[in-house]
Amino acid sequence: MHLLTCPHCEAAIEVSPAQAGGTTPCPSCNAVVDVPKLGQLRQLPRVDDAGPLGDAPKSEVNAVGRGLFVVLGLVGLVFLLVAGFCGLRWAVIDVPMTTEMHAQQLRDEFKKLSPAELIRVWEDIEEFGIAATAPTDYRVAEMKKQSMGTYALASGGVAAACLLGAFLSLSLGRSKTPAASG
């Protein structure tokens, strides 16, 4: 729909492209107004360019929606790549032993020792302490695997949110056309 100005009363008249080259009555003064041909009609301002309160034109809103789509889409894809990388790292990291397995292994070894050897081990522990200055190799691998899984889940969640936001931004500024009442 285009806005045509009445030459008699200066009122705005909504004109569809189907009315091009014909005539239409003015809703204010009831004068018959000639509608320009289609080429000239398309040069007139459109009805939907601005909302009733002077909102931004739809083309600007759609441009913002497209820009938001591109930005959120790229951010989502980056996080999706990070999630994929972390997920692969999580799957590849091999944890040969757990803390429970290590404790069970020590119990089994202590059961094999004679009472005199157990006393010697106990005296060494009392004198020198337990040499646990750093985590064991299996514990380091276990912590790394756990952190990669956490990073993969967090990145996947952010990627899903960004991609959902990107696709929702495409509908920004689009309005549903009302059904014709009859």
N, C-alpha and C. Protein backbone atom coordinates (compact mmCIF):
# COMPACT_ATOMS: atom_id res chain seq x y z
N MET A 1 0.84 -1.17 0.00
CA MET A 1 0.00 0.00 0.00
C MET A 1 0.89 1.24 0.00
N HIS A 2 0.46 2.22 -0.77
CA HIS A 2 1.19 3.48 -0.88
C HIS A 2 0.32 4.62 -0.38
N LEU A 3 0.97 5.69 0.04
CA LEU A 3 0.25 6.87 0.52
C LEU A 3 0.18 7.92 -0.60
N LEU A 4 -1.05 8.26 -0.96
CA LEU A 4 -1.31 9.28 -1.97
C LEU A 4 -1.94 10.47 -1.27
N THR A 5 -1.55 11.67 -1.62
CA THR A 5 -2.09 12.88 -1.00
C THR A 5 -3.23 13.42 -1.85
N CYS A 6 -4.36 13.71 -1.21
CA CYS A 6 -5.52 14.28 -1.91
C CYS A 6 -5.19 15.72 -2.33
N PRO A 7 -5.38 16.08 -3.62
CA PRO A 7 -5.06 17.44 -4.05
C PRO A 7 -6.05 18.48 -3.52
N HIS A 8 -7.22 18.05 -3.04
CA HIS A 8 -8.24 18.98 -2.56
C HIS A 8 -8.08 19.31 -1.08
N CYS A 9 -7.90 18.25 -0.24
CA CYS A 9 -7.88 18.49 1.22
C CYS A 9 -6.56 18.09 1.87
N GLU A 10 -5.58 17.63 1.10
CA GLU A 10 -4.26 17.24 1.61
C GLU A 10 -4.31 16.02 2.54
N ALA A 11 -5.38 15.24 2.51
CA ALA A 11 -5.49 14.04 3.36
C ALA A 11 -4.70 12.90 2.72
N ALA A 12 -4.21 11.99 3.56
CA ALA A 12 -3.47 10.83 3.07
C ALA A 12 -4.45 9.73 2.70
N ILE A 13 -4.25 9.16 1.52
CA ILE A 13 -5.12 8.10 1.02
C ILE A 13 -4.25 6.86 0.80
N GLU A 14 -4.70 5.72 1.33
CA GLU A 14 -3.98 4.47 1.12
C GLU A 14 -4.43 3.89 -0.22
N VAL A 15 -3.45 3.61 -1.08
CA VAL A 15 -3.74 3.11 -2.42
C VAL A 15 -2.93 1.85 -2.65
N SER A 16 -3.58 0.80 -3.16
CA SER A 16 -2.87 -0.44 -3.46
C SER A 16 -2.35 -0.40 -4.89
N PRO A 17 -1.33 -1.20 -5.23
CA PRO A 17 -0.82 -1.23 -6.60
C PRO A 17 -1.89 -1.65 -7.61
N ALA A 18 -2.90 -2.38 -7.18
CA ALA A 18 -3.96 -2.81 -8.10
C ALA A 18 -4.80 -1.63 -8.57
N GLN A 19 -4.81 -0.53 -7.84
CA GLN A 19 -5.60 0.65 -8.20
C GLN A 19 -4.83 1.61 -9.12
N ALA A 20 -3.60 1.25 -9.49
CA ALA A 20 -2.77 2.14 -10.31
C ALA A 20 -3.45 2.45 -11.64
N GLY A 21 -3.45 3.73 -12.01
CA GLY A 21 -4.04 4.17 -13.27
C GLY A 21 -5.54 4.42 -13.18
N GLY A 22 -6.15 4.16 -12.04
CA GLY A 22 -7.59 4.35 -11.88
C GLY A 22 -7.90 5.55 -11.02
N THR A 23 -9.07 5.53 -10.39
CA THR A 23 -9.48 6.61 -9.49
C THR A 23 -9.93 6.00 -8.18
N THR A 24 -9.91 6.83 -7.13
CA THR A 24 -10.35 6.40 -5.81
C THR A 24 -10.95 7.60 -5.09
N PRO A 25 -11.97 7.36 -4.25
CA PRO A 25 -12.55 8.49 -3.51
C PRO A 25 -11.69 8.85 -2.31
N CYS A 26 -11.63 10.12 -1.96
CA CYS A 26 -10.90 10.59 -0.78
C CYS A 26 -11.78 10.32 0.44
N PRO A 27 -11.25 9.69 1.49
CA PRO A 27 -12.07 9.40 2.67
C PRO A 27 -12.45 10.67 3.45
N SER A 28 -11.73 11.77 3.26
CA SER A 28 -12.02 13.00 4.01
C SER A 28 -13.04 13.88 3.30
N CYS A 29 -12.78 14.21 2.01
CA CYS A 29 -13.65 15.16 1.31
C CYS A 29 -14.52 14.51 0.25
N ASN A 30 -14.42 13.21 0.06
CA ASN A 30 -15.18 12.43 -0.92
C ASN A 30 -14.97 12.87 -2.36
N ALA A 31 -13.89 13.57 -2.63
CA ALA A 31 -13.56 13.96 -4.01
C ALA A 31 -12.92 12.77 -4.71
N VAL A 32 -13.11 12.66 -6.00
CA VAL A 32 -12.51 11.59 -6.78
C VAL A 32 -11.08 12.00 -7.11
N VAL A 33 -10.12 11.12 -6.75
CA VAL A 33 -8.70 11.40 -6.94
C VAL A 33 -8.14 10.42 -7.95
N ASP A 34 -7.38 10.93 -8.92
CA ASP A 34 -6.72 10.08 -9.91
C ASP A 34 -5.52 9.41 -9.26
N VAL A 35 -5.43 8.09 -9.44
CA VAL A 35 -4.29 7.32 -8.92
C VAL A 35 -3.25 7.25 -10.02
N PRO A 36 -1.98 7.59 -9.74
CA PRO A 36 -0.95 7.55 -10.79
C PRO A 36 -0.69 6.12 -11.25
N LYS A 37 -0.01 6.02 -12.40
CA LYS A 37 0.33 4.71 -12.93
C LYS A 37 1.34 4.03 -12.01
N LEU A 38 1.54 2.73 -12.21
CA LEU A 38 2.33 1.91 -11.29
C LEU A 38 3.75 2.43 -11.10
N GLY A 39 4.40 2.89 -12.16
CA GLY A 39 5.77 3.40 -12.03
C GLY A 39 5.84 4.60 -11.12
N GLN A 40 4.87 5.51 -11.24
CA GLN A 40 4.84 6.70 -10.38
C GLN A 40 4.35 6.35 -8.99
N LEU A 41 3.46 5.35 -8.91
CA LEU A 41 2.91 4.95 -7.61
C LEU A 41 4.00 4.36 -6.71
N ARG A 42 4.92 3.65 -7.31
CA ARG A 42 6.00 3.03 -6.52
C ARG A 42 6.97 4.06 -5.95
N GLN A 43 6.96 5.25 -6.48
CA GLN A 43 7.83 6.31 -5.96
C GLN A 43 7.21 6.99 -4.75
N LEU A 44 5.92 6.77 -4.52
CA LEU A 44 5.26 7.37 -3.35
C LEU A 44 5.66 6.61 -2.09
N PRO A 45 5.56 7.26 -0.92
CA PRO A 45 5.90 6.55 0.33
C PRO A 45 4.94 5.40 0.59
N ARG A 46 5.46 4.37 1.22
CA ARG A 46 4.65 3.20 1.54
C ARG A 46 3.98 3.39 2.89
N VAL A 47 2.84 2.74 3.07
CA VAL A 47 2.08 2.83 4.32
C VAL A 47 2.85 2.18 5.46
N ASP A 48 3.51 1.05 5.19
CA ASP A 48 4.18 0.30 6.25
C ASP A 48 5.61 0.76 6.51
N ASP A 49 6.05 1.89 5.93
CA ASP A 49 7.40 2.38 6.20
C ASP A 49 7.56 2.86 7.63
N ALA A 50 6.56 3.40 8.22
CA ALA A 50 6.64 3.87 9.60
C ALA A 50 5.40 3.43 10.34
N GLY A 51 5.57 3.08 11.60
CA GLY A 51 4.45 2.68 12.45
C GLY A 51 3.64 3.89 12.86
N PRO A 52 2.57 3.68 13.61
CA PRO A 52 1.71 4.80 14.01
C PRO A 52 2.41 5.78 14.94
N LEU A 53 3.43 5.35 15.65
CA LEU A 53 4.13 6.24 16.58
C LEU A 53 5.46 6.70 16.01
N GLY A 54 5.65 6.57 14.71
CA GLY A 54 6.91 7.01 14.10
C GLY A 54 8.04 6.04 14.37
N ASP A 55 7.74 4.75 14.41
CA ASP A 55 8.77 3.75 14.65
C ASP A 55 9.75 3.73 13.48
N ALA A 56 10.82 2.98 13.65
CA ALA A 56 11.81 2.86 12.59
C ALA A 56 11.20 2.14 11.39
N PRO A 57 11.59 2.49 10.20
CA PRO A 57 11.07 1.81 9.02
C PRO A 57 11.41 0.33 9.08
N LYS A 58 10.57 -0.47 8.41
CA LYS A 58 10.76 -1.91 8.43
C LYS A 58 12.09 -2.31 7.83
N SER A 59 12.55 -1.57 6.83
CA SER A 59 13.83 -1.93 6.21
C SER A 59 14.97 -1.81 7.22
N GLU A 60 14.90 -0.79 8.10
CA GLU A 60 15.93 -0.65 9.13
C GLU A 60 15.82 -1.77 10.15
N VAL A 61 14.59 -2.12 10.54
CA VAL A 61 14.39 -3.21 11.51
C VAL A 61 14.89 -4.52 10.92
N ASN A 62 14.57 -4.77 9.64
CA ASN A 62 15.04 -5.99 9.01
C ASN A 62 16.56 -6.00 8.89
N ALA A 63 17.18 -4.84 8.67
CA ALA A 63 18.64 -4.77 8.60
C ALA A 63 19.24 -5.10 9.96
N VAL A 64 18.63 -4.61 11.02
CA VAL A 64 19.11 -4.94 12.37
C VAL A 64 18.94 -6.43 12.62
N GLY A 65 17.81 -6.98 12.21
CA GLY A 65 17.59 -8.41 12.38
C GLY A 65 18.60 -9.24 11.62
N ARG A 66 18.91 -8.82 10.39
CA ARG A 66 19.90 -9.55 9.60
C ARG A 66 21.29 -9.43 10.22
N GLY A 67 21.63 -8.23 10.69
CA GLY A 67 22.94 -8.04 11.34
C GLY A 67 23.05 -8.88 12.60
N LEU A 68 21.98 -8.89 13.38
CA LEU A 68 21.96 -9.70 14.60
C LEU A 68 22.07 -11.18 14.26
N PHE A 69 21.41 -11.59 13.17
CA PHE A 69 21.50 -12.98 12.73
C PHE A 69 22.94 -13.35 12.39
N VAL A 70 23.63 -12.48 11.67
CA VAL A 70 25.01 -12.77 11.27
C VAL A 70 25.91 -12.85 12.49
N VAL A 71 25.80 -11.87 13.40
CA VAL A 71 26.67 -11.84 14.58
C VAL A 71 26.41 -13.05 15.47
N LEU A 72 25.14 -13.28 15.81
CA LEU A 72 24.82 -14.42 16.68
C LEU A 72 25.14 -15.75 15.99
N GLY A 73 24.93 -15.81 14.69
CA GLY A 73 25.27 -17.03 13.96
C GLY A 73 26.75 -17.33 14.00
N LEU A 74 27.58 -16.31 13.79
CA LEU A 74 29.03 -16.52 13.84
C LEU A 74 29.50 -16.89 15.24
N VAL A 75 28.99 -16.20 16.25
CA VAL A 75 29.36 -16.53 17.63
C VAL A 75 28.92 -17.95 17.96
N GLY A 76 27.71 -18.30 17.54
CA GLY A 76 27.22 -19.66 17.77
C GLY A 76 28.08 -20.71 17.09
N LEU A 77 28.51 -20.44 15.86
CA LEU A 77 29.36 -21.40 15.16
C LEU A 77 30.72 -21.54 15.82
N VAL A 78 31.27 -20.43 16.32
CA VAL A 78 32.56 -20.50 17.02
C VAL A 78 32.42 -21.37 18.27
N PHE A 79 31.36 -21.14 19.04
CA PHE A 79 31.16 -21.94 20.24
C PHE A 79 30.85 -23.40 19.90
N LEU A 80 30.20 -23.63 18.76
CA LEU A 80 29.94 -24.99 18.34
C LEU A 80 31.26 -25.70 17.99
N LEU A 81 32.18 -24.98 17.36
CA LEU A 81 33.50 -25.56 17.08
C LEU A 81 34.26 -25.86 18.36
N VAL A 82 34.19 -24.94 19.33
CA VAL A 82 34.86 -25.16 20.62
C VAL A 82 34.25 -26.37 21.31
N ALA A 83 32.93 -26.49 21.27
CA ALA A 83 32.26 -27.63 21.90
C ALA A 83 32.68 -28.93 21.22
N GLY A 84 32.78 -28.92 19.91
CA GLY A 84 33.23 -30.11 19.19
C GLY A 84 34.65 -30.49 19.54
N PHE A 85 35.54 -29.49 19.60
CA PHE A 85 36.93 -29.76 19.96
C PHE A 85 37.02 -30.34 21.37
N CYS A 86 36.34 -29.70 22.32
CA CYS A 86 36.39 -30.18 23.70
C CYS A 86 35.75 -31.56 23.84
N GLY A 87 34.68 -31.80 23.08
CA GLY A 87 34.04 -33.11 23.11
C GLY A 87 34.96 -34.20 22.58
N LEU A 88 35.69 -33.89 21.51
CA LEU A 88 36.65 -34.87 20.99
C LEU A 88 37.79 -35.11 21.97
N ARG A 89 38.29 -34.03 22.57
CA ARG A 89 39.36 -34.18 23.57
C ARG A 89 38.88 -35.03 24.74
N TRP A 90 37.63 -34.80 25.18
CA TRP A 90 37.06 -35.57 26.28
C TRP A 90 37.01 -37.05 25.91
N ALA A 91 36.62 -37.35 24.68
CA ALA A 91 36.50 -38.74 24.26
C ALA A 91 37.87 -39.41 24.10
N VAL A 92 38.89 -38.64 23.75
CA VAL A 92 40.21 -39.21 23.49
C VAL A 92 41.02 -39.42 24.76
N ILE A 93 40.81 -38.58 25.77
CA ILE A 93 41.61 -38.68 27.00
C ILE A 93 41.30 -40.00 27.69
N ASP A 94 42.34 -40.78 27.93
CA ASP A 94 42.19 -42.08 28.58
C ASP A 94 42.60 -41.96 30.04
N VAL A 95 41.71 -42.35 30.93
CA VAL A 95 42.01 -42.35 32.36
C VAL A 95 42.23 -43.81 32.75
N PRO A 96 43.50 -44.22 32.93
CA PRO A 96 43.79 -45.63 33.15
C PRO A 96 43.34 -46.14 34.52
N MET A 97 43.23 -45.23 35.48
CA MET A 97 42.93 -45.66 36.84
C MET A 97 42.14 -44.56 37.55
N THR A 98 41.32 -44.96 38.50
CA THR A 98 40.60 -43.99 39.33
C THR A 98 41.17 -44.05 40.74
N THR A 99 40.76 -43.12 41.56
CA THR A 99 41.22 -43.10 42.95
C THR A 99 40.80 -44.37 43.67
N GLU A 100 39.59 -44.85 43.41
CA GLU A 100 39.11 -46.08 44.05
C GLU A 100 39.95 -47.28 43.63
N MET A 101 40.29 -47.32 42.34
CA MET A 101 41.12 -48.43 41.86
C MET A 101 42.52 -48.37 42.49
N HIS A 102 43.06 -47.15 42.63
CA HIS A 102 44.37 -46.99 43.23
C HIS A 102 44.35 -47.42 44.69
N ALA A 103 43.33 -47.04 45.44
CA ALA A 103 43.22 -47.44 46.85
C ALA A 103 43.09 -48.95 46.97
N GLN A 104 42.31 -49.57 46.09
CA GLN A 104 42.15 -51.03 46.12
C GLN A 104 43.48 -51.72 45.79
N GLN A 105 44.24 -51.15 44.86
CA GLN A 105 45.54 -51.71 44.50
C GLN A 105 46.50 -51.66 45.70
N LEU A 106 46.49 -50.53 46.44
CA LEU A 106 47.34 -50.43 47.63
C LEU A 106 46.92 -51.43 48.70
N ARG A 107 45.61 -51.61 48.88
CA ARG A 107 45.13 -52.60 49.86
C ARG A 107 45.62 -54.00 49.50
N ASP A 108 45.51 -54.34 48.21
CA ASP A 108 45.95 -55.66 47.77
C ASP A 108 47.45 -55.85 47.99
N GLU A 109 48.25 -54.80 47.75
CA GLU A 109 49.69 -54.89 47.96
C GLU A 109 50.02 -55.02 49.45
N PHE A 110 49.30 -54.29 50.30
CA PHE A 110 49.56 -54.39 51.74
C PHE A 110 49.18 -55.76 52.29
N LYS A 111 48.20 -56.41 51.69
CA LYS A 111 47.81 -57.75 52.14
C LYS A 111 48.91 -58.77 51.85
N LYS A 112 49.73 -58.51 50.85
CA LYS A 112 50.81 -59.43 50.48
C LYS A 112 52.04 -59.27 51.38
N LEU A 113 52.15 -58.14 52.09
CA LEU A 113 53.33 -57.89 52.91
C LEU A 113 53.26 -58.66 54.23
N SER A 114 54.44 -59.02 54.73
CA SER A 114 54.52 -59.69 56.03
C SER A 114 54.37 -58.64 57.13
N PRO A 115 54.07 -59.06 58.37
CA PRO A 115 53.93 -58.09 59.47
C PRO A 115 55.18 -57.22 59.65
N ALA A 116 56.37 -57.79 59.49
CA ALA A 116 57.60 -57.01 59.65
C ALA A 116 57.71 -55.93 58.56
N GLU A 117 57.33 -56.28 57.33
CA GLU A 117 57.37 -55.30 56.24
C GLU A 117 56.33 -54.19 56.46
N LEU A 118 55.17 -54.54 57.01
CA LEU A 118 54.15 -53.53 57.32
C LEU A 118 54.65 -52.56 58.38
N ILE A 119 55.36 -53.09 59.38
CA ILE A 119 55.92 -52.21 60.42
C ILE A 119 56.95 -51.27 59.80
N ARG A 120 57.78 -51.77 58.92
CA ARG A 120 58.80 -50.94 58.25
C ARG A 120 58.12 -49.83 57.42
N VAL A 121 57.05 -50.17 56.69
CA VAL A 121 56.31 -49.18 55.90
C VAL A 121 55.72 -48.13 56.82
N TRP A 122 55.14 -48.57 57.94
CA TRP A 122 54.53 -47.63 58.90
C TRP A 122 55.59 -46.68 59.48
N GLU A 123 56.74 -47.22 59.84
CA GLU A 123 57.81 -46.37 60.39
C GLU A 123 58.30 -45.36 59.35
N ASP A 124 58.40 -45.79 58.08
CA ASP A 124 58.81 -44.86 57.02
C ASP A 124 57.78 -43.74 56.84
N ILE A 125 56.50 -44.08 56.92
CA ILE A 125 55.45 -43.07 56.79
C ILE A 125 55.53 -42.08 57.95
N GLU A 126 55.78 -42.60 59.19
CA GLU A 126 55.88 -41.70 60.34
C GLU A 126 57.11 -40.80 60.24
N GLU A 127 58.20 -41.34 59.75
CA GLU A 127 59.43 -40.56 59.68
C GLU A 127 59.45 -39.58 58.51
N PHE A 128 59.07 -40.03 57.31
CA PHE A 128 59.18 -39.20 56.11
C PHE A 128 57.84 -38.62 55.63
N GLY A 129 56.75 -39.15 56.10
CA GLY A 129 55.43 -38.70 55.65
C GLY A 129 55.06 -39.35 54.33
N ILE A 130 53.87 -39.04 53.88
CA ILE A 130 53.42 -39.58 52.59
C ILE A 130 53.85 -38.59 51.52
N ALA A 131 54.59 -39.05 50.56
CA ALA A 131 55.13 -38.18 49.52
C ALA A 131 54.05 -37.91 48.47
N ALA A 132 53.16 -37.01 48.78
CA ALA A 132 52.10 -36.64 47.85
C ALA A 132 52.18 -35.14 47.57
N THR A 133 53.29 -34.72 46.97
CA THR A 133 53.47 -33.30 46.70
C THR A 133 52.68 -32.84 45.48
N ALA A 134 52.39 -33.73 44.57
CA ALA A 134 51.64 -33.39 43.37
C ALA A 134 50.62 -34.50 43.11
N PRO A 135 49.56 -34.19 42.40
CA PRO A 135 48.58 -35.24 42.08
C PRO A 135 49.22 -36.31 41.20
N THR A 136 48.71 -37.49 41.32
CA THR A 136 49.23 -38.59 40.50
C THR A 136 48.85 -38.37 39.04
N ASP A 137 49.52 -39.08 38.16
CA ASP A 137 49.28 -38.91 36.72
C ASP A 137 47.84 -39.25 36.35
N TYR A 138 47.30 -40.31 36.95
CA TYR A 138 45.93 -40.67 36.61
C TYR A 138 44.94 -39.61 37.09
N ARG A 139 45.25 -38.97 38.22
CA ARG A 139 44.35 -37.92 38.74
C ARG A 139 44.40 -36.67 37.85
N VAL A 140 45.59 -36.35 37.32
CA VAL A 140 45.72 -35.22 36.39
C VAL A 140 44.90 -35.50 35.13
N ALA A 141 45.00 -36.73 34.61
CA ALA A 141 44.23 -37.09 33.41
C ALA A 141 42.73 -37.06 33.71
N GLU A 142 42.36 -37.52 34.90
CA GLU A 142 40.95 -37.53 35.29
C GLU A 142 40.39 -36.10 35.38
N MET A 143 41.18 -35.19 35.97
CA MET A 143 40.74 -33.79 36.09
C MET A 143 40.66 -33.12 34.71
N LYS A 144 41.62 -33.44 33.83
CA LYS A 144 41.61 -32.86 32.49
C LYS A 144 40.39 -33.35 31.70
N LYS A 145 40.08 -34.63 31.83
CA LYS A 145 38.91 -35.18 31.13
C LYS A 145 37.63 -34.53 31.65
N GLN A 146 37.54 -34.35 32.97
CA GLN A 146 36.36 -33.73 33.55
C GLN A 146 36.21 -32.28 33.08
N SER A 147 37.33 -31.54 33.03
CA SER A 147 37.24 -30.15 32.59
C SER A 147 36.88 -30.05 31.10
N MET A 148 37.38 -30.96 30.28
CA MET A 148 37.02 -30.95 28.86
C MET A 148 35.53 -31.24 28.67
N GLY A 149 34.99 -32.15 29.47
CA GLY A 149 33.56 -32.43 29.40
C GLY A 149 32.74 -31.22 29.81
N THR A 150 33.18 -30.52 30.86
CA THR A 150 32.48 -29.32 31.31
C THR A 150 32.54 -28.23 30.25
N TYR A 151 33.72 -28.03 29.66
CA TYR A 151 33.85 -27.02 28.60
C TYR A 151 32.98 -27.36 27.39
N ALA A 152 32.91 -28.65 27.05
CA ALA A 152 32.10 -29.06 25.90
C ALA A 152 30.62 -28.78 26.16
N LEU A 153 30.16 -29.11 27.36
CA LEU A 153 28.75 -28.86 27.68
C LEU A 153 28.44 -27.37 27.72
N ALA A 154 29.31 -26.59 28.35
CA ALA A 154 29.07 -25.14 28.44
C ALA A 154 29.11 -24.50 27.05
N SER A 155 30.09 -24.86 26.25
CA SER A 155 30.18 -24.29 24.89
C SER A 155 29.00 -24.72 24.03
N GLY A 156 28.58 -25.95 24.20
CA GLY A 156 27.41 -26.42 23.45
C GLY A 156 26.16 -25.66 23.84
N GLY A 157 26.00 -25.37 25.13
CA GLY A 157 24.85 -24.60 25.58
C GLY A 157 24.86 -23.18 25.05
N VAL A 158 26.02 -22.54 25.09
CA VAL A 158 26.13 -21.17 24.55
C VAL A 158 25.89 -21.18 23.04
N ALA A 159 26.43 -22.19 22.36
CA ALA A 159 26.22 -22.29 20.91
C ALA A 159 24.74 -22.46 20.58
N ALA A 160 24.06 -23.31 21.33
CA ALA A 160 22.63 -23.52 21.08
C ALA A 160 21.85 -22.23 21.33
N ALA A 161 22.18 -21.52 22.40
CA ALA A 161 21.48 -20.27 22.71
C ALA A 161 21.74 -19.22 21.62
N CYS A 162 22.99 -19.11 21.17
CA CYS A 162 23.32 -18.13 20.12
C CYS A 162 22.63 -18.48 18.80
N LEU A 163 22.65 -19.73 18.43
CA LEU A 163 22.02 -20.12 17.16
C LEU A 163 20.51 -19.96 17.23
N LEU A 164 19.91 -20.25 18.37
CA LEU A 164 18.48 -20.02 18.54
C LEU A 164 18.17 -18.53 18.44
N GLY A 165 18.98 -17.72 19.12
CA GLY A 165 18.80 -16.27 19.04
C GLY A 165 18.98 -15.75 17.62
N ALA A 166 19.92 -16.34 16.89
CA ALA A 166 20.15 -15.92 15.50
C ALA A 166 18.92 -16.18 14.65
N PHE A 167 18.34 -17.35 14.78
CA PHE A 167 17.17 -17.65 13.97
C PHE A 167 15.94 -16.88 14.43
N LEU A 168 15.85 -16.58 15.71
CA LEU A 168 14.74 -15.75 16.18
C LEU A 168 14.90 -14.30 15.72
N SER A 169 16.15 -13.87 15.54
CA SER A 169 16.37 -12.49 15.09
C SER A 169 15.91 -12.27 13.66
N LEU A 170 15.79 -13.34 12.90
CA LEU A 170 15.28 -13.20 11.53
C LEU A 170 13.83 -12.74 11.52
N SER A 171 13.09 -13.10 12.56
CA SER A 171 11.69 -12.69 12.61
C SER A 171 11.52 -11.30 13.21
N LEU A 172 12.62 -10.65 13.58
CA LEU A 172 12.55 -9.30 14.14
C LEU A 172 12.00 -8.34 13.11
N GLY A 173 10.95 -7.65 13.45
CA GLY A 173 10.37 -6.66 12.56
C GLY A 173 9.36 -7.22 11.59
N ARG A 174 9.20 -8.51 11.55
CA ARG A 174 8.20 -9.08 10.65
C ARG A 174 6.89 -9.17 11.41
N SER A 175 5.84 -8.73 10.77
CA SER A 175 4.53 -8.83 11.41
C SER A 175 3.67 -9.77 10.59
N LYS A 176 2.80 -10.45 11.26
CA LYS A 176 1.89 -11.35 10.58
C LYS A 176 0.79 -10.52 9.94
N THR A 177 0.46 -10.86 8.73
CA THR A 177 -0.60 -10.10 8.06
C THR A 177 -1.94 -10.54 8.63
N PRO A 178 -2.77 -9.59 9.01
CA PRO A 178 -4.06 -9.98 9.57
C PRO A 178 -4.94 -10.61 8.51
N ALA A 179 -5.76 -11.53 8.95
CA ALA A 179 -6.67 -12.19 8.03
C ALA A 179 -7.74 -11.21 7.58
N ALA A 180 -8.14 -11.33 6.34
CA ALA A 180 -9.16 -10.42 5.81
C ALA A 180 -10.49 -10.70 6.48
N SER A 181 -11.09 -9.67 7.00
CA SER A 181 -12.38 -9.85 7.65
C SER A 181 -13.47 -9.61 6.64
N GLY A 182 -14.47 -10.43 6.66
CA GLY A 182 -15.49 -10.28 5.65
C GLY A 182 -16.80 -10.62 6.11
